Every structure is written in structure tokens, then in C-alpha cells.
Amino acid sequence: SNYSSVADDIFRSVDKGKENIENIMNEQCDLIDELRCDVETKCEDFDNDASKKRHPAIDTRNNTVIDSSGDFNQTAKLAFSSTTSFTSTLKQETDRFGKETVNVWAQVPPVKEKKIIKYRKTLSSTPSDEVLLKDFELSNEPQQLCS
């Protein structure tokens, strides 16, 4: 009947699909095996040829880095020593300047009290310029007084 014909077509279609999938799967497995063999061959070639050729260059660069780091270390030690010496000398010179030139530890003489002038609200009671300035010590710089 029609039902069995349709079912047979479906079974044939599924079997054909299964066969196609198996064929594709086998092709992929073959390609994967070929790729794995290529990768293993490349790795062996690299291990046997390229890495052996590069080894002396790597050793030379390694030695250069070690030598350069030793030179840098020596330069850094010298710079540190020079900086330490300069710092010590600067401290000594600063101390000497403070003690001998500026006399930072010397006693400061007391300052005279400032003269306080009391002004009055009426101008007639303000003392004259001579009275106002008689107790002031003026510097050597010329100063002008308002008249």
C-alpha cells in the first residue's frame, strides 16, 4: 500500500544518509591522520634541524644578556656609591653652613618692644612728627615722611 511505500522511501533515505555520513566521517578521519603525521614530521624536523641551528645563537644571546646585566649591576653600584657619598658630603656642608655661617644654634637677642602710638580722635592732640619718631630706629635707607 501507499503507507508501506512511503515507509520504504523513508528507510532508504535514512540508509542513504547514514552511508553518506559514514563516508564523510571516514574521509575526515583519513585527513586527520594525514594532518597528525604532517605535524609529527614538522616537529621532528624542527627538533633535529632548526632548534640545533638556533641553539648557539640562543646561547650567545643568553651570554650577552648575562654580561650586560653584570655591567648594569656594576654601573648601578657605582651610581649608588656616588649618590651616597654626595648625600653625605651635602649633609656635612649643610650642617657646617647652618652652624658656622647662619649660626642657627646661637642665642637670638631679645627684640626691643615696639613703640605703640595712641592716636586720638581729634587731630590737635596727635603729637608732632619729631615726638612720634624720636624712639624709632630707622634703617639706612632713605624714607619719605608725609607732610
C-alpha atoms as a PDB file:
ATOM      1  CA  SER A   1       0.000   0.000   0.000  1.00  0.00           C
ATOM      2  CA  ASN A   2       0.825   3.657  -0.076  1.00  0.00           C
ATOM      3  CA  TYR A   3       1.872   3.669   3.583  1.00  0.00           C
ATOM      4  CA  SER A   4       4.477   0.930   3.093  1.00  0.00           C
ATOM      5  CA  SER A   5       5.843   2.654   0.007  1.00  0.00           C
ATOM      6  CA  VAL A   6       6.321   5.878   1.954  1.00  0.00           C
ATOM      7  CA  ALA A   7       7.914   3.959   4.842  1.00  0.00           C
ATOM      8  CA  ASP A   8      10.242   2.157   2.417  1.00  0.00           C
ATOM      9  CA  ASP A   9      11.254   5.516   0.895  1.00  0.00           C
ATOM     10  CA  ILE A  10      11.977   6.895   4.359  1.00  0.00           C
ATOM     11  CA  PHE A  11      14.084   3.822   5.287  1.00  0.00           C
ATOM     12  CA  ARG A  12      16.015   4.050   2.011  1.00  0.00           C
ATOM     13  CA  SER A  13      16.555   7.770   2.562  1.00  0.00           C
ATOM     14  CA  VAL A  14      17.790   7.182   6.129  1.00  0.00           C
ATOM     15  CA  ASP A  15      20.110   4.382   4.967  1.00  0.00           C
ATOM     16  CA  LYS A  16      21.453   6.599   2.182  1.00  0.00           C
ATOM     17  CA  GLY A  17      22.011   9.452   4.697  1.00  0.00           C
ATOM     18  CA  LYS A  18      23.743   7.062   7.089  1.00  0.00           C
ATOM     19  CA  GLU A  19      26.001   5.829   4.277  1.00  0.00           C
ATOM     20  CA  ASN A  20      26.848   9.434   3.273  1.00  0.00           C
ATOM     21  CA  ILE A  21      27.659  10.339   6.888  1.00  0.00           C
ATOM     22  CA  GLU A  22      29.906   7.251   7.221  1.00  0.00           C
ATOM     23  CA  ASN A  23      31.739   8.181   4.006  1.00  0.00           C
ATOM     24  CA  ILE A  24      32.272  11.779   5.171  1.00  0.00           C
ATOM     25  CA  MET A  25      33.391  10.535   8.576  1.00  0.00           C
ATOM     26  CA  ASN A  26      35.930   8.160   7.012  1.00  0.00           C
ATOM     27  CA  GLU A  27      37.284  10.940   4.783  1.00  0.00           C
ATOM     28  CA  GLN A  28      37.655  13.235   7.805  1.00  0.00           C
ATOM     29  CA  CYS A  29      39.415  10.514   9.800  1.00  0.00           C
ATOM     30  CA  ASP A  30      41.844   9.980   6.915  1.00  0.00           C
ATOM     31  CA  LEU A  31      42.509  13.744   6.705  1.00  0.00           C
ATOM     32  CA  ILE A  32      43.038  13.948  10.475  1.00  0.00           C
ATOM     33  CA  ASP A  33      45.537  11.075  10.345  1.00  0.00           C
ATOM     34  CA  GLU A  34      47.372  12.789   7.472  1.00  0.00           C
ATOM     35  CA  LEU A  35      47.438  16.084   9.380  1.00  0.00           C
ATOM     36  CA  ARG A  36      48.746  14.365  12.533  1.00  0.00           C
ATOM     37  CA  CYS A  37      51.534  12.748  10.511  1.00  0.00           C
ATOM     38  CA  ASP A  38      52.444  16.136   8.987  1.00  0.00           C
ATOM     39  CA  VAL A  39      52.557  17.774  12.414  1.00  0.00           C
ATOM     40  CA  GLU A  40      54.730  14.994  13.856  1.00  0.00           C
ATOM     41  CA  THR A  41      57.093  15.247  10.880  1.00  0.00           C
ATOM     42  CA  LYS A  42      57.361  19.036  11.267  1.00  0.00           C
ATOM     43  CA  CYS A  43      58.078  18.664  14.994  1.00  0.00           C
ATOM     44  CA  GLU A  44      60.792  16.089  14.351  1.00  0.00           C
ATOM     45  CA  ASP A  45      62.333  18.280  11.625  1.00  0.00           C
ATOM     46  CA  PHE A  46      62.338  21.263  13.967  1.00  0.00           C
ATOM     47  CA  ASP A  47      63.857  19.250  16.821  1.00  0.00           C
ATOM     48  CA  ASN A  48      66.556  17.790  14.588  1.00  0.00           C
ATOM     49  CA  ASP A  49      67.434  20.779  12.379  1.00  0.00           C
ATOM     50  CA  ALA A  50      66.102  24.210  13.263  1.00  0.00           C
ATOM     51  CA  SER A  51      66.442  24.005  17.034  1.00  0.00           C
ATOM     52  CA  LYS A  52      70.022  22.712  16.785  1.00  0.00           C
ATOM     53  CA  LYS A  53      70.911  25.564  14.422  1.00  0.00           C
ATOM     54  CA  ARG A  54      69.336  28.123  16.746  1.00  0.00           C
ATOM     55  CA  HIS A  55      70.905  26.769  19.920  1.00  0.00           C
ATOM     56  CA  PRO A  56      74.320  28.524  19.516  1.00  0.00           C
ATOM     57  CA  ALA A  57      72.620  31.842  18.736  1.00  0.00           C
ATOM     58  CA  ILE A  58      70.415  31.471  21.802  1.00  0.00           C
ATOM     59  CA  ASP A  59      73.473  30.678  23.954  1.00  0.00           C
ATOM     60  CA  THR A  60      75.296  33.732  22.562  1.00  0.00           C
ATOM     61  CA  ARG A  61      72.317  35.997  23.289  1.00  0.00           C
ATOM     62  CA  ASN A  62      71.982  34.462  26.738  1.00  0.00           C
ATOM     63  CA  ASN A  63      75.645  35.224  27.485  1.00  0.00           C
ATOM     64  CA  THR A  64      75.215  38.762  26.139  1.00  0.00           C
ATOM     65  CA  VAL A  65      72.260  39.330  28.452  1.00  0.00           C
ATOM     66  CA  ILE A  66      74.199  37.959  31.427  1.00  0.00           C
ATOM     67  CA  ASP A  67      77.254  40.114  30.626  1.00  0.00           C
ATOM     68  CA  SER A  68      75.100  43.201  30.098  1.00  0.00           C
ATOM     69  CA  SER A  69      73.280  42.650  33.361  1.00  0.00           C
ATOM     70  CA  GLY A  70      76.643  42.364  35.122  1.00  0.00           C
ATOM     71  CA  ASP A  71      77.775  45.658  33.555  1.00  0.00           C
ATOM     72  CA  PHE A  72      74.499  47.281  34.533  1.00  0.00           C
ATOM     73  CA  ASN A  73      74.861  45.960  38.065  1.00  0.00           C
ATOM     74  CA  GLN A  74      78.383  47.439  38.289  1.00  0.00           C
ATOM     75  CA  THR A  75      77.143  50.781  36.926  1.00  0.00           C
ATOM     76  CA  ALA A  76      74.265  50.799  39.402  1.00  0.00           C
ATOM     77  CA  LYS A  77      76.668  50.078  42.285  1.00  0.00           C
ATOM     78  CA  LEU A  78      78.908  52.964  41.228  1.00  0.00           C
ATOM     79  CA  ALA A  79      75.941  55.314  40.880  1.00  0.00           C
ATOM     80  CA  PHE A  80      74.627  54.279  44.291  1.00  0.00           C
ATOM     81  CA  SER A  81      78.045  54.751  45.888  1.00  0.00           C
ATOM     82  CA  SER A  82      78.458  58.163  44.247  1.00  0.00           C
ATOM     83  CA  THR A  83      74.984  59.237  45.345  1.00  0.00           C
ATOM     84  CA  THR A  84      75.626  58.059  48.904  1.00  0.00           C
ATOM     85  CA  SER A  85      78.919  59.953  49.009  1.00  0.00           C
ATOM     86  CA  PHE A  86      77.322  63.101  47.573  1.00  0.00           C
ATOM     87  CA  THR A  87      74.475  62.891  50.091  1.00  0.00           C
ATOM     88  CA  SER A  88      76.909  62.539  52.979  1.00  0.00           C
ATOM     89  CA  THR A  89      79.011  65.483  51.750  1.00  0.00           C
ATOM     90  CA  LEU A  90      75.912  67.612  51.225  1.00  0.00           C
ATOM     91  CA  LYS A  91      74.701  66.851  54.760  1.00  0.00           C
ATOM     92  CA  GLN A  92      78.076  67.838  56.204  1.00  0.00           C
ATOM     93  CA  GLU A  93      78.191  71.062  54.171  1.00  0.00           C
ATOM     94  CA  THR A  94      74.612  71.919  55.136  1.00  0.00           C
ATOM     95  CA  ASP A  95      75.367  71.322  58.812  1.00  0.00           C
ATOM     96  CA  ARG A  96      78.540  73.432  58.583  1.00  0.00           C
ATOM     97  CA  PHE A  97      76.681  76.245  56.801  1.00  0.00           C
ATOM     98  CA  GLY A  98      73.919  76.211  59.404  1.00  0.00           C
ATOM     99  CA  LYS A  99      76.276  76.145  62.365  1.00  0.00           C
ATOM    100  CA  GLU A 100      79.107  78.397  61.164  1.00  0.00           C
ATOM    101  CA  THR A 101      77.579  80.797  58.645  1.00  0.00           C
ATOM    102  CA  VAL A 102      73.983  81.190  59.734  1.00  0.00           C
ATOM    103  CA  ASN A 103      74.642  80.397  63.415  1.00  0.00           C
ATOM    104  CA  VAL A 104      71.361  78.526  63.795  1.00  0.00           C
ATOM    105  CA  TRP A 105      72.228  77.479  67.360  1.00  0.00           C
ATOM    106  CA  ALA A 106      73.250  80.962  68.556  1.00  0.00           C
ATOM    107  CA  GLN A 107      71.020  82.727  71.052  1.00  0.00           C
ATOM    108  CA  VAL A 108      68.905  85.447  69.499  1.00  0.00           C
ATOM    109  CA  PRO A 109      68.969  88.710  71.448  1.00  0.00           C
ATOM    110  CA  PRO A 110      65.592  89.866  72.683  1.00  0.00           C
ATOM    111  CA  VAL A 111      63.795  92.326  70.464  1.00  0.00           C
ATOM    112  CA  LYS A 112      63.014  95.783  71.798  1.00  0.00           C
ATOM    113  CA  GLU A 113      59.373  96.362  72.349  1.00  0.00           C
ATOM    114  CA  LYS A 114      57.739  98.319  69.596  1.00  0.00           C
ATOM    115  CA  LYS A 115      56.659 101.769  70.462  1.00  0.00           C
ATOM    116  CA  ILE A 116      52.896 101.978  70.414  1.00  0.00           C
ATOM    117  CA  ILE A 117      51.452 105.264  69.377  1.00  0.00           C
ATOM    118  CA  LYS A 118      47.997 106.022  70.531  1.00  0.00           C
ATOM    119  CA  TYR A 119      46.104 108.213  68.173  1.00  0.00           C
ATOM    120  CA  ARG A 120      43.302 110.360  69.337  1.00  0.00           C
ATOM    121  CA  LYS A 121      40.175 111.228  67.510  1.00  0.00           C
ATOM    122  CA  THR A 122      40.923 114.902  67.497  1.00  0.00           C
ATOM    123  CA  LEU A 123      43.832 115.957  65.318  1.00  0.00           C
ATOM    124  CA  SER A 124      45.011 118.642  67.703  1.00  0.00           C
ATOM    125  CA  SER A 125      46.072 116.013  70.238  1.00  0.00           C
ATOM    126  CA  THR A 126      48.293 113.996  67.819  1.00  0.00           C
ATOM    127  CA  PRO A 127      51.970 114.555  68.711  1.00  0.00           C
ATOM    128  CA  SER A 128      54.348 116.129  66.226  1.00  0.00           C
ATOM    129  CA  ASP A 129      56.489 114.052  63.806  1.00  0.00           C
ATOM    130  CA  GLU A 130      59.594 114.523  65.934  1.00  0.00           C
ATOM    131  CA  VAL A 131      57.821 113.205  69.026  1.00  0.00           C
ATOM    132  CA  LEU A 132      56.390 110.272  67.108  1.00  0.00           C
ATOM    133  CA  LEU A 133      59.734 109.267  65.587  1.00  0.00           C
ATOM    134  CA  LYS A 134      62.176 110.047  68.398  1.00  0.00           C
ATOM    135  CA  ASP A 135      62.341 106.435  69.749  1.00  0.00           C
ATOM    136  CA  PHE A 136      62.263 104.686  66.362  1.00  0.00           C
ATOM    137  CA  GLU A 137      65.435 103.279  64.859  1.00  0.00           C
ATOM    138  CA  LEU A 138      65.383 103.976  61.158  1.00  0.00           C
ATOM    139  CA  SER A 139      67.294 101.893  58.626  1.00  0.00           C
ATOM    140  CA  ASN A 140      69.948 103.453  56.384  1.00  0.00           C
ATOM    141  CA  GLU A 141      67.508 103.521  53.507  1.00  0.00           C
ATOM    142  CA  PRO A 142      66.045 106.950  52.871  1.00  0.00           C
ATOM    143  CA  GLN A 143      62.382 107.187  53.764  1.00  0.00           C
ATOM    144  CA  GLN A 144      59.977 109.907  52.977  1.00  0.00           C
ATOM    145  CA  LEU A 145      57.570 111.225  55.526  1.00  0.00           C
ATOM    146  CA  CYS A 146      54.263 112.628  54.577  1.00  0.00           C
ATOM    147  CA  SER A 147      53.905 116.284  55.376  1.00  0.00           C
END
